[in-house]
Amino acid sequence: MSESPPVNGGGAAPPNAGPNAGLDAGAKASVLIEALPFLRRYAGRTFVVKYGGHAMGDNAAAASFAQDIVLLKAVGINPVVVHGGGPQIGAMLERVGVESRFVDGLRVTDEATVEIAEMVLSGAINKQIVAAIHAAGGRALGLSGKDAGLVKARKVSRDTRVEDSAIEQLVDLGFVGEPAEIDPQVIEMATASGLIPVIAPIGAGDQGETYNINADTMAGALAGALGAARLLLLTDVAGVLDGDGQLVSELDEASIETLRAKGVITGGMIPKLETCLAATREGCEAAVILDGRVEHAMLLEFFTASGAGTLVRAVQNG
């Protein structure tokens, strides 16, 4: 995809022509032929991609991600990007001297913190991704859930166990929210106009108050509301691994429960899989958990028979 076109319609490829420069013509043609049925299947469909983690802090990885998103749009797919930014928020809070407090790994978000979170997410990070997509030849539109009534949020709280006790108590997380209602009209208008929506996980409450929303949760809710062909959660792991450390290529709700009961699925993978299942129940065709550190992992997942991550459906296909 990044290979330079030949000069005057032919001749040898120039030096450093791209990652496929060493492939002969037959091998390149085979790659395209393998992709053809997938291009037909997904033409005109929507992919919601949650972007965060390792790739966001690496300029080369960010450029590669932007190229993949632009390619998806160029072949007739409508990508919608939802991004995170927890580490960047933490760095800004530290810079301005606002202390962070966490409950079960979730940041307690007071009024000062949510203002900074919105500034970082809807401002710096969102526009960096928009600029990267533009640099890769695409046309992106930066949004947050507050724009055009895209996401109405409601406040969430968390039950937590008192230390050294069996007692649970309800903890107020402040301005932490979750999607309550979604009006995808602005996204549909943008994609129909040839734009790539890039969405910060911020929503507005009933009184216009600002809520910070987990990016995975935001992406899952949007994928369901849009009836997306795929929800893609880019992570820092290969996907779901079995007890022997091997990648599990496909899961449904029953097999997820089995692996949880065996202690194979634990920790942060549990909420990711719950997000995937919730999205498929709400109208998304399937979800994929994928290692965002692998160059062009999205293209390998979507346009090859073998895929590259763990595919999640609410029920087993067929």
C-alpha atoms as a PDB file:
ATOM      1  CA  MET A   1       0.000   0.000   0.000  1.00  0.00           C
ATOM      2  CA  SER A   2       2.880   2.366   0.735  1.00  0.00           C
ATOM      3  CA  GLU A   3       4.818   1.379  -2.395  1.00  0.00           C
ATOM      4  CA  SER A   4       5.684   4.219  -4.735  1.00  0.00           C
ATOM      5  CA  PRO A   5       4.135   3.970  -8.206  1.00  0.00           C
ATOM      6  CA  PRO A   6       6.510   3.097 -11.055  1.00  0.00           C
ATOM      7  CA  VAL A   7       7.823   5.967 -13.121  1.00  0.00           C
ATOM      8  CA  ASN A   8       6.364   6.264 -16.657  1.00  0.00           C
ATOM      9  CA  GLY A   9       4.080   3.284 -16.028  1.00  0.00           C
ATOM     10  CA  GLY A  10       6.783   0.625 -15.699  1.00  0.00           C
ATOM     11  CA  GLY A  11      10.339  -0.252 -14.853  1.00  0.00           C
ATOM     12  CA  ALA A  12      11.925  -1.501 -11.670  1.00  0.00           C
ATOM     13  CA  ALA A  13      10.567  -0.377  -8.325  1.00  0.00           C
ATOM     14  CA  PRO A  14      12.640   2.378  -6.716  1.00  0.00           C
ATOM     15  CA  PRO A  15      14.787   1.622  -3.662  1.00  0.00           C
ATOM     16  CA  ASN A  16      12.874   1.418  -0.347  1.00  0.00           C
ATOM     17  CA  ALA A  17       9.604   1.131  -2.268  1.00  0.00           C
ATOM     18  CA  GLY A  18       7.793  -0.319   0.713  1.00  0.00           C
ATOM     19  CA  PRO A  19       7.312  -3.516   2.730  1.00  0.00           C
ATOM     20  CA  ASN A  20       6.197  -5.513  -0.332  1.00  0.00           C
ATOM     21  CA  ALA A  21       9.044  -4.382  -2.596  1.00  0.00           C
ATOM     22  CA  GLY A  22      10.691  -7.816  -2.414  1.00  0.00           C
ATOM     23  CA  LEU A  23       7.580  -9.709  -3.536  1.00  0.00           C
ATOM     24  CA  ASP A  24       7.374 -10.785  -7.146  1.00  0.00           C
ATOM     25  CA  ALA A  25       4.396  -9.807  -9.274  1.00  0.00           C
ATOM     26  CA  GLY A  26       2.649 -13.156  -8.746  1.00  0.00           C
ATOM     27  CA  ALA A  27       2.877 -12.905  -4.968  1.00  0.00           C
ATOM     28  CA  LYS A  28       1.524  -9.361  -5.025  1.00  0.00           C
ATOM     29  CA  ALA A  29      -1.358 -10.462  -7.237  1.00  0.00           C
ATOM     30  CA  SER A  30      -2.128 -13.335  -4.845  1.00  0.00           C
ATOM     31  CA  VAL A  31      -2.395 -10.896  -1.941  1.00  0.00           C
ATOM     32  CA  LEU A  32      -4.915  -8.804  -3.867  1.00  0.00           C
ATOM     33  CA  ILE A  33      -6.908 -11.852  -4.980  1.00  0.00           C
ATOM     34  CA  GLU A  34      -7.132 -13.127  -1.400  1.00  0.00           C
ATOM     35  CA  ALA A  35      -8.478  -9.742  -0.333  1.00  0.00           C
ATOM     36  CA  LEU A  36     -11.125  -9.551  -3.074  1.00  0.00           C
ATOM     37  CA  PRO A  37     -13.977 -11.491  -1.377  1.00  0.00           C
ATOM     38  CA  PHE A  38     -13.478  -9.478   1.794  1.00  0.00           C
ATOM     39  CA  LEU A  39     -13.550  -6.201  -0.130  1.00  0.00           C
ATOM     40  CA  ARG A  40     -16.872  -7.277  -1.657  1.00  0.00           C
ATOM     41  CA  ARG A  41     -18.275  -8.395   1.698  1.00  0.00           C
ATOM     42  CA  TYR A  42     -17.481  -5.161   3.523  1.00  0.00           C
ATOM     43  CA  ALA A  43     -18.140  -2.588   0.780  1.00  0.00           C
ATOM     44  CA  GLY A  44     -20.400   0.137   2.161  1.00  0.00           C
ATOM     45  CA  ARG A  45     -20.273  -1.261   5.718  1.00  0.00           C
ATOM     46  CA  THR A  46     -19.098   0.510   8.867  1.00  0.00           C
ATOM     47  CA  PHE A  47     -16.097  -0.476  10.990  1.00  0.00           C
ATOM     48  CA  VAL A  48     -15.762   1.102  14.449  1.00  0.00           C
ATOM     49  CA  VAL A  49     -12.124   1.107  15.566  1.00  0.00           C
ATOM     50  CA  LYS A  50     -11.071   1.830  19.133  1.00  0.00           C
ATOM     51  CA  TYR A  51      -7.556   3.248  19.000  1.00  0.00           C
ATOM     52  CA  GLY A  52      -5.277   3.639  21.995  1.00  0.00           C
ATOM     53  CA  GLY A  53      -2.463   2.088  23.940  1.00  0.00           C
ATOM     54  CA  HIS A  54       1.029   1.591  22.519  1.00  0.00           C
ATOM     55  CA  ALA A  55       0.334   2.893  19.023  1.00  0.00           C
ATOM     56  CA  MET A  56      -0.790   6.320  20.251  1.00  0.00           C
ATOM     57  CA  GLY A  57       2.593   7.076  21.766  1.00  0.00           C
ATOM     58  CA  ASP A  58       4.672   6.027  18.764  1.00  0.00           C
ATOM     59  CA  ASN A  59       4.864   8.289  15.706  1.00  0.00           C
ATOM     60  CA  ALA A  60       5.636   5.480  13.250  1.00  0.00           C
ATOM     61  CA  ALA A  61       2.823   3.291  14.609  1.00  0.00           C
ATOM     62  CA  ALA A  62       0.424   6.239  14.510  1.00  0.00           C
ATOM     63  CA  ALA A  63       1.311   6.908  10.868  1.00  0.00           C
ATOM     64  CA  SER A  64       0.792   3.220  10.021  1.00  0.00           C
ATOM     65  CA  PHE A  65      -2.601   3.265  11.748  1.00  0.00           C
ATOM     66  CA  ALA A  66      -3.634   6.351   9.784  1.00  0.00           C
ATOM     67  CA  GLN A  67      -2.597   4.698   6.506  1.00  0.00           C
ATOM     68  CA  ASP A  68      -4.742   1.661   7.306  1.00  0.00           C
ATOM     69  CA  ILE A  69      -7.761   3.827   8.136  1.00  0.00           C
ATOM     70  CA  VAL A  70      -7.373   5.787   4.892  1.00  0.00           C
ATOM     71  CA  LEU A  71      -7.078   2.531   2.933  1.00  0.00           C
ATOM     72  CA  LEU A  72     -10.311   1.224   4.468  1.00  0.00           C
ATOM     73  CA  LYS A  73     -12.101   4.383   3.349  1.00  0.00           C
ATOM     74  CA  ALA A  74     -10.542   4.200  -0.105  1.00  0.00           C
ATOM     75  CA  VAL A  75     -11.884   0.671  -0.738  1.00  0.00           C
ATOM     76  CA  GLY A  76     -15.452   1.606   0.193  1.00  0.00           C
ATOM     77  CA  ILE A  77     -15.548   0.831   3.928  1.00  0.00           C
ATOM     78  CA  ASN A  78     -16.661   3.501   6.407  1.00  0.00           C
ATOM     79  CA  PRO A  79     -14.211   3.554   9.343  1.00  0.00           C
ATOM     80  CA  VAL A  80     -15.201   5.357  12.545  1.00  0.00           C
ATOM     81  CA  VAL A  81     -12.343   5.936  14.994  1.00  0.00           C
ATOM     82  CA  VAL A  82     -12.900   6.195  18.757  1.00  0.00           C
ATOM     83  CA  HIS A  83      -9.760   7.006  20.733  1.00  0.00           C
ATOM     84  CA  GLY A  84      -8.640   6.813  24.321  1.00  0.00           C
ATOM     85  CA  GLY A  85      -6.022   8.847  26.133  1.00  0.00           C
ATOM     86  CA  GLY A  86      -5.687   7.797  29.773  1.00  0.00           C
ATOM     87  CA  PRO A  87      -1.883   8.136  29.966  1.00  0.00           C
ATOM     88  CA  GLN A  88      -1.989  11.557  28.306  1.00  0.00           C
ATOM     89  CA  ILE A  89      -4.657  12.726  30.757  1.00  0.00           C
ATOM     90  CA  GLY A  90      -2.549  11.469  33.649  1.00  0.00           C
ATOM     91  CA  ALA A  91       0.518  13.307  32.334  1.00  0.00           C
ATOM     92  CA  MET A  92      -1.404  16.577  31.982  1.00  0.00           C
ATOM     93  CA  LEU A  93      -2.920  16.251  35.468  1.00  0.00           C
ATOM     94  CA  GLU A  94       0.558  15.763  36.881  1.00  0.00           C
ATOM     95  CA  ARG A  95       1.866  18.745  34.917  1.00  0.00           C
ATOM     96  CA  VAL A  96      -0.792  21.089  36.320  1.00  0.00           C
ATOM     97  CA  GLY A  97      -0.578  19.644  39.820  1.00  0.00           C
ATOM     98  CA  VAL A  98      -3.967  17.914  40.028  1.00  0.00           C
ATOM     99  CA  GLU A  99      -3.717  14.718  42.073  1.00  0.00           C
ATOM    100  CA  SER A 100      -5.386  11.585  40.672  1.00  0.00           C
ATOM    101  CA  ARG A 101      -7.293   9.102  42.821  1.00  0.00           C
ATOM    102  CA  PHE A 102      -8.241   5.636  41.562  1.00  0.00           C
ATOM    103  CA  VAL A 103     -10.843   3.066  42.624  1.00  0.00           C
ATOM    104  CA  ASP A 104     -10.379  -0.435  41.193  1.00  0.00           C
ATOM    105  CA  GLY A 105      -8.284   1.036  38.385  1.00  0.00           C
ATOM    106  CA  LEU A 106     -10.818   3.753  37.487  1.00  0.00           C
ATOM    107  CA  ARG A 107      -9.844   7.394  37.887  1.00  0.00           C
ATOM    108  CA  VAL A 108     -12.134   9.388  40.184  1.00  0.00           C
ATOM    109  CA  THR A 109     -12.999  12.364  37.997  1.00  0.00           C
ATOM    110  CA  ASP A 110     -13.837  15.590  39.810  1.00  0.00           C
ATOM    111  CA  GLU A 111     -14.759  18.835  38.084  1.00  0.00           C
ATOM    112  CA  ALA A 112     -11.152  19.952  37.598  1.00  0.00           C
ATOM    113  CA  THR A 113     -10.159  16.544  36.254  1.00  0.00           C
ATOM    114  CA  VAL A 114     -12.996  16.292  33.744  1.00  0.00           C
ATOM    115  CA  GLU A 115     -12.118  19.732  32.369  1.00  0.00           C
ATOM    116  CA  ILE A 116      -8.558  18.565  31.738  1.00  0.00           C
ATOM    117  CA  ALA A 117      -9.774  15.227  30.361  1.00  0.00           C
ATOM    118  CA  GLU A 118     -11.977  17.022  27.842  1.00  0.00           C
ATOM    119  CA  MET A 119      -9.155  19.371  26.879  1.00  0.00           C
ATOM    120  CA  VAL A 120      -6.744  16.491  26.284  1.00  0.00           C
ATOM    121  CA  LEU A 121      -9.199  14.105  24.591  1.00  0.00           C
ATOM    122  CA  SER A 122     -11.277  16.484  22.475  1.00  0.00           C
ATOM    123  CA  GLY A 123      -8.367  18.831  21.885  1.00  0.00           C
ATOM    124  CA  ALA A 124      -4.795  17.589  21.628  1.00  0.00           C
ATOM    125  CA  ILE A 125      -5.283  13.861  21.003  1.00  0.00           C
ATOM    126  CA  ASN A 126      -8.288  14.161  18.722  1.00  0.00           C
ATOM    127  CA  LYS A 127      -6.607  16.696  16.485  1.00  0.00           C
ATOM    128  CA  GLN A 128      -3.350  14.732  16.367  1.00  0.00           C
ATOM    129  CA  ILE A 129      -5.244  11.737  14.969  1.00  0.00           C
ATOM    130  CA  VAL A 130      -7.155  13.939  12.526  1.00  0.00           C
ATOM    131  CA  ALA A 131      -3.852  15.428  11.326  1.00  0.00           C
ATOM    132  CA  ALA A 132      -2.277  11.967  10.917  1.00  0.00           C
ATOM    133  CA  ILE A 133      -5.201  10.828   8.751  1.00  0.00           C
ATOM    134  CA  HIS A 134      -4.933  13.982   6.652  1.00  0.00           C
ATOM    135  CA  ALA A 135      -1.186  13.366   6.243  1.00  0.00           C
ATOM    136  CA  ALA A 136      -1.984   9.854   4.992  1.00  0.00           C
ATOM    137  CA  GLY A 137      -4.297  11.267   2.321  1.00  0.00           C
ATOM    138  CA  GLY A 138      -7.662  11.022   4.067  1.00  0.00           C
ATOM    139  CA  ARG A 139     -10.260  13.545   5.201  1.00  0.00           C
ATOM    140  CA  ALA A 140     -11.092  13.292   8.902  1.00  0.00           C
ATOM    141  CA  LEU A 141     -13.583  15.107  11.123  1.00  0.00           C
ATOM    142  CA  GLY A 142     -12.849  15.441  14.836  1.00  0.00           C
ATOM    143  CA  LEU A 143     -15.854  15.073  17.142  1.00  0.00           C
ATOM    144  CA  SER A 144     -16.776  14.240  20.698  1.00  0.00           C
ATOM    145  CA  GLY A 145     -19.949  12.688  22.014  1.00  0.00           C
ATOM    146  CA  LYS A 146     -21.143  16.192  22.892  1.00  0.00           C
ATOM    147  CA  ASP A 147     -21.297  17.263  19.239  1.00  0.00           C
ATOM    148  CA  ALA A 148     -24.747  17.247  17.577  1.00  0.00           C
ATOM    149  CA  GLY A 149     -26.182  15.215  20.466  1.00  0.00           C
ATOM    150  CA  LEU A 150     -24.139  12.176  19.444  1.00  0.00           C
ATOM    151  CA  VAL A 151     -23.903  10.621  22.919  1.00  0.00           C
ATOM    152  CA  LYS A 152     -26.071  11.403  25.923  1.00  0.00           C
ATOM    153  CA  ALA A 153     -24.265  10.127  29.005  1.00  0.00           C
ATOM    154  CA  ARG A 154     -25.344   8.995  32.444  1.00  0.00           C
ATOM    155  CA  LYS A 155     -23.283   8.911  35.592  1.00  0.00           C
ATOM    156  CA  VAL A 156     -21.764   5.611  36.714  1.00  0.00           C
ATOM    157  CA  SER A 157     -20.661   4.502  40.158  1.00  0.00           C
ATOM    158  CA  ARG A 158     -18.690   1.495  41.305  1.00  0.00           C
ATOM    159  CA  ASP A 159     -19.256  -1.063  44.042  1.00  0.00           C
ATOM    160  CA  THR A 160     -15.986  -1.794  45.797  1.00  0.00           C
ATOM    161  CA  ARG A 161     -15.012  -4.024  48.681  1.00  0.00           C
ATOM    162  CA  VAL A 162     -13.805  -2.375  51.884  1.00  0.00           C
ATOM    163  CA  GLU A 163     -10.200  -3.390  52.567  1.00  0.00           C
ATOM    164  CA  ASP A 164      -9.881  -6.454  54.856  1.00  0.00           C
ATOM    165  CA  SER A 165     -13.660  -6.836  54.902  1.00  0.00           C
ATOM    166  CA  ALA A 166     -16.510  -8.611  53.102  1.00  0.00           C
ATOM    167  CA  ILE A 167     -18.488  -5.369  53.084  1.00  0.00           C
ATOM    168  CA  GLU A 168     -19.088  -3.608  49.769  1.00  0.00           C
ATOM    169  CA  GLN A 169     -19.717   0.103  49.436  1.00  0.00           C
ATOM    170  CA  LEU A 170     -20.816   2.350  46.584  1.00  0.00           C
ATOM    171  CA  VAL A 171     -18.056   4.715  45.442  1.00  0.00           C
ATOM    172  CA  ASP A 172     -18.827   7.960  43.628  1.00  0.00           C
ATOM    173  CA  LEU A 173     -16.455   8.249  40.645  1.00  0.00           C
ATOM    174  CA  GLY A 174     -17.438  11.840  39.924  1.00  0.00           C
ATOM    175  CA  PHE A 175     -17.873  12.797  36.281  1.00  0.00           C
ATOM    176  CA  VAL A 176     -17.387   9.278  34.905  1.00  0.00           C
ATOM    177  CA  GLY A 177     -20.192   8.278  32.563  1.00  0.00           C
ATOM    178  CA  GLU A 178     -21.459   5.696  30.139  1.00  0.00           C
ATOM    179  CA  PRO A 179     -23.565   6.065  26.976  1.00  0.00           C
ATOM    180  CA  ALA A 180     -27.294   6.251  27.745  1.00  0.00           C
ATOM    181  CA  GLU A 181     -28.574   7.315  24.317  1.00  0.00           C
ATOM    182  CA  ILE A 182     -26.858   7.568  20.928  1.00  0.00           C
ATOM    183  CA  ASP A 183     -27.973   9.550  17.902  1.00  0.00           C
ATOM    184  CA  PRO A 184     -25.616   8.430  15.098  1.00  0.00           C
ATOM    185  CA  GLN A 185     -26.972  10.911  12.525  1.00  0.00           C
ATOM    186  CA  VAL A 186     -23.885  13.134  12.574  1.00  0.00           C
ATOM    187  CA  ILE A 187     -21.635  10.108  11.959  1.00  0.00           C
ATOM    188  CA  GLU A 188     -23.808   8.892   9.099  1.00  0.00           C
ATOM    189  CA  MET A 189     -23.774  12.371   7.530  1.00  0.00           C
ATOM    190  CA  ALA A 190     -19.992  12.579   7.851  1.00  0.00           C
ATOM    191  CA  THR A 191     -19.303   9.158   6.334  1.00  0.00           C
ATOM    192  CA  ALA A 192     -21.740   9.817   3.480  1.00  0.00           C
ATOM    193  CA  SER A 193     -19.751  12.984   2.722  1.00  0.00           C
ATOM    194  CA  GLY A 194     -16.490  11.050   2.434  1.00  0.00           C
ATOM    195  CA  LEU A 195     -15.213  11.999   5.887  1.00  0.00           C
ATOM    196  CA  ILE A 196     -13.688   9.759   8.555  1.00  0.00           C
ATOM    197  CA  PRO A 197     -15.154  10.554  11.999  1.00  0.00           C
ATOM    198  CA  VAL A 198     -12.620  10.621  14.845  1.00  0.00           C
ATOM    199  CA  ILE A 199     -14.468  10.634  18.164  1.00  0.00           C
ATOM    200  CA  ALA A 200     -13.284  11.567  21.657  1.00  0.00           C
ATOM    201  CA  PRO A 201     -14.986   9.595  24.471  1.00  0.00           C
ATOM    202  CA  ILE A 202     -16.736  12.540  26.073  1.00  0.00           C
ATOM    203  CA  GLY A 203     -20.509  12.806  26.540  1.00  0.00           C
ATOM    204  CA  ALA A 204     -23.042  15.256  27.955  1.00  0.00           C
ATOM    205  CA  GLY A 205     -25.536  14.551  30.725  1.00  0.00           C
ATOM    206  CA  ASP A 206     -29.163  15.675  30.951  1.00  0.00           C
ATOM    207  CA  GLN A 207     -28.125  19.084  32.298  1.00  0.00           C
ATOM    208  CA  GLY A 208     -25.256  19.533  29.858  1.00  0.00           C
ATOM    209  CA  GLU A 209     -22.608  18.382  32.339  1.00  0.00           C
ATOM    210  CA  THR A 210     -19.513  16.730  30.890  1.00  0.00           C
ATOM    211  CA  TYR A 211     -18.743  13.043  31.467  1.00  0.00           C
ATOM    212  CA  ASN A 212     -15.568  11.136  30.678  1.00  0.00           C
ATOM    213  CA  ILE A 213     -16.454   7.735  29.128  1.00  0.00           C
ATOM    214  CA  ASN A 214     -14.274   4.648  28.829  1.00  0.00           C
ATOM    215  CA  ALA A 215     -13.159   4.495  25.182  1.00  0.00           C
ATOM    216  CA  ASP A 216     -13.886   0.763  24.803  1.00  0.00           C
ATOM    217  CA  THR A 217     -17.407   1.301  26.153  1.00  0.00           C
ATOM    218  CA  MET A 218     -17.934   4.278  23.850  1.00  0.00           C
ATOM    219  CA  ALA A 219     -16.758   2.338  20.799  1.00  0.00           C
ATOM    220  CA  GLY A 220     -18.947  -0.637  21.634  1.00  0.00           C
ATOM    221  CA  ALA A 221     -22.047   1.500  22.064  1.00  0.00           C
ATOM    222  CA  LEU A 222     -21.421   3.299  18.768  1.00  0.00           C
ATOM    223  CA  ALA A 223     -20.811  -0.001  16.937  1.00  0.00           C
ATOM    224  CA  GLY A 224     -24.175  -1.293  18.141  1.00  0.00           C
ATOM    225  CA  ALA A 225     -26.032   1.900  17.267  1.00  0.00           C
ATOM    226  CA  LEU A 226     -24.476   2.033  13.789  1.00  0.00           C
ATOM    227  CA  GLY A 227     -25.099  -1.650  13.041  1.00  0.00           C
ATOM    228  CA  ALA A 228     -21.388  -1.927  12.287  1.00  0.00           C
ATOM    229  CA  ALA A 229     -19.953  -4.910  10.446  1.00  0.00           C
ATOM    230  CA  ARG A 230     -17.070  -4.921  12.910  1.00  0.00           C
ATOM    231  CA  LEU A 231     -16.023  -3.419  16.219  1.00  0.00           C
ATOM    232  CA  LEU A 232     -12.242  -3.484  16.504  1.00  0.00           C
ATOM    233  CA  LEU A 233     -10.544  -3.061  19.885  1.00  0.00           C
ATOM    234  CA  LEU A 234      -6.831  -2.428  19.383  1.00  0.00           C
ATOM    235  CA  THR A 235      -4.929  -3.563  22.473  1.00  0.00           C
ATOM    236  CA  ASP A 236      -1.408  -4.322  23.640  1.00  0.00           C
ATOM    237  CA  VAL A 237      -1.896  -8.108  23.489  1.00  0.00           C
ATOM    238  CA  ALA A 238      -2.386 -10.536  20.595  1.00  0.00           C
ATOM    239  CA  GLY A 239      -6.009 -11.225  21.554  1.00  0.00           C
ATOM    240  CA  VAL A 240      -7.517 -13.850  23.846  1.00  0.00           C
ATOM    241  CA  LEU A 241      -5.045 -16.616  24.714  1.00  0.00           C
ATOM    242  CA  ASP A 242      -5.975 -20.133  25.823  1.00  0.00           C
ATOM    243  CA  GLY A 243      -4.432 -22.037  28.744  1.00  0.00           C
ATOM    244  CA  ASP A 244      -1.402 -22.920  26.617  1.00  0.00           C
ATOM    245  CA  GLY A 245      -0.793 -19.320  25.556  1.00  0.00           C
ATOM    246  CA  GLN A 246      -2.129 -19.872  22.032  1.00  0.00           C
ATOM    247  CA  LEU A 247      -4.359 -17.334  20.300  1.00  0.00           C
ATOM    248  CA  VAL A 248      -8.072 -18.192  20.333  1.00  0.00           C
ATOM    249  CA  SER A 249      -9.357 -17.281  16.866  1.00  0.00           C
ATOM    250  CA  GLU A 250     -13.088 -17.106  17.665  1.00  0.00           C
ATOM    251  CA  LEU A 251     -15.316 -16.939  20.748  1.00  0.00           C
ATOM    252  CA  ASP A 252     -19.008 -16.693  21.545  1.00  0.00           C
ATOM    253  CA  GLU A 253     -20.799 -15.996  24.818  1.00  0.00           C
ATOM    254  CA  ALA A 254     -20.859 -19.644  25.903  1.00  0.00           C
ATOM    255  CA  SER A 255     -17.170 -20.252  25.238  1.00  0.00           C
ATOM    256  CA  ILE A 256     -16.242 -17.002  27.002  1.00  0.00           C
ATOM    257  CA  GLU A 257     -18.089 -18.133  30.133  1.00  0.00           C
ATOM    258  CA  THR A 258     -16.337 -21.499  29.979  1.00  0.00           C
ATOM    259  CA  LEU A 259     -12.895 -19.888  29.783  1.00  0.00           C
ATOM    260  CA  ARG A 260     -13.751 -17.467  32.593  1.00  0.00           C
ATOM    261  CA  ALA A 261     -14.831 -20.355  34.815  1.00  0.00           C
ATOM    262  CA  LYS A 262     -11.501 -22.078  34.128  1.00  0.00           C
ATOM    263  CA  GLY A 263      -9.577 -18.928  35.029  1.00  0.00           C
ATOM    264  CA  VAL A 264      -8.187 -18.549  31.508  1.00  0.00           C
ATOM    265  CA  ILE A 265      -9.861 -15.174  30.890  1.00  0.00           C
ATOM    266  CA  THR A 266      -9.045 -12.765  33.711  1.00  0.00           C
ATOM    267  CA  GLY A 267      -8.275  -9.149  34.535  1.00  0.00           C
ATOM    268  CA  GLY A 268      -8.645  -6.432  31.918  1.00  0.00           C
ATOM    269  CA  MET A 269      -9.687  -8.887  29.204  1.00  0.00           C
ATOM    270  CA  ILE A 270     -13.028  -9.467  30.965  1.00  0.00           C
ATOM    271  CA  PRO A 271     -14.459  -5.945  30.442  1.00  0.00           C
ATOM    272  CA  LYS A 272     -13.177  -5.924  26.850  1.00  0.00           C
ATOM    273  CA  LEU A 273     -15.063  -9.124  26.076  1.00  0.00           C
ATOM    274  CA  GLU A 274     -18.152  -7.802  27.854  1.00  0.00           C
ATOM    275  CA  THR A 275     -17.961  -4.722  25.613  1.00  0.00           C
ATOM    276  CA  CYS A 276     -17.695  -6.947  22.534  1.00  0.00           C
ATOM    277  CA  LEU A 277     -20.717  -9.030  23.548  1.00  0.00           C
ATOM    278  CA  ALA A 278     -22.786  -5.950  24.392  1.00  0.00           C
ATOM    279  CA  ALA A 279     -22.034  -4.476  20.959  1.00  0.00           C
ATOM    280  CA  THR A 280     -23.059  -7.665  19.148  1.00  0.00           C
ATOM    281  CA  ARG A 281     -26.297  -7.852  21.130  1.00  0.00           C
ATOM    282  CA  GLU A 282     -27.115  -4.273  20.110  1.00  0.00           C
ATOM    283  CA  GLY A 283     -26.609  -4.758  16.363  1.00  0.00           C
ATOM    284  CA  CYS A 284     -22.897  -5.032  15.597  1.00  0.00           C
ATOM    285  CA  GLU A 285     -22.171  -8.107  13.461  1.00  0.00           C
ATOM    286  CA  ALA A 286     -18.993  -9.144  15.296  1.00  0.00           C
ATOM    287  CA  ALA A 287     -16.114  -7.713  17.296  1.00  0.00           C
ATOM    288  CA  VAL A 288     -12.374  -8.302  17.141  1.00  0.00           C
ATOM    289  CA  ILE A 289      -9.705  -7.961  19.830  1.00  0.00           C
ATOM    290  CA  LEU A 290      -6.423  -7.305  18.052  1.00  0.00           C
ATOM    291  CA  ASP A 291      -2.813  -6.410  18.839  1.00  0.00           C
ATOM    292  CA  GLY A 292      -2.401  -2.791  17.753  1.00  0.00           C
ATOM    293  CA  ARG A 293       1.384  -3.078  18.029  1.00  0.00           C
ATOM    294  CA  VAL A 294       1.526  -5.276  14.912  1.00  0.00           C
ATOM    295  CA  GLU A 295       2.044  -3.217  11.779  1.00  0.00           C
ATOM    296  CA  HIS A 296      -1.047  -3.252   9.525  1.00  0.00           C
ATOM    297  CA  ALA A 297      -2.781  -5.727  11.862  1.00  0.00           C
ATOM    298  CA  MET A 298      -6.178  -4.343  10.813  1.00  0.00           C
ATOM    299  CA  LEU A 299      -5.532  -5.185   7.169  1.00  0.00           C
ATOM    300  CA  LEU A 300      -4.394  -8.698   8.063  1.00  0.00           C
ATOM    301  CA  GLU A 301      -7.547  -9.207  10.114  1.00  0.00           C
ATOM    302  CA  PHE A 302     -10.031  -7.866   7.611  1.00  0.00           C
ATOM    303  CA  PHE A 303      -8.561  -8.920   4.271  1.00  0.00           C
ATOM    304  CA  THR A 304      -6.980 -12.337   4.852  1.00  0.00           C
ATOM    305  CA  ALA A 305      -8.586 -15.710   5.485  1.00  0.00           C
ATOM    306  CA  SER A 306      -6.502 -16.417   8.594  1.00  0.00           C
ATOM    307  CA  GLY A 307      -7.197 -13.120  10.383  1.00  0.00           C
ATOM    308  CA  ALA A 308      -4.955 -11.771  13.114  1.00  0.00           C
ATOM    309  CA  GLY A 309      -6.940 -11.493  16.358  1.00  0.00           C
ATOM    310  CA  THR A 310      -9.836 -12.977  18.330  1.00  0.00           C
ATOM    311  CA  LEU A 311     -13.282 -12.677  16.716  1.00  0.00           C
ATOM    312  CA  VAL A 312     -16.209 -12.379  19.143  1.00  0.00           C
ATOM    313  CA  ARG A 313     -19.880 -13.073  18.355  1.00  0.00           C
ATOM    314  CA  ALA A 314     -22.859 -13.236  20.703  1.00  0.00           C
ATOM    315  CA  VAL A 315     -23.664 -16.745  19.474  1.00  0.00           C
ATOM    316  CA  GLN A 316     -21.656 -19.223  17.437  1.00  0.00           C
ATOM    317  CA  ASN A 317     -21.885 -18.581  13.705  1.00  0.00           C
ATOM    318  CA  GLY A 318     -24.048 -21.126  11.875  1.00  0.00           C
END
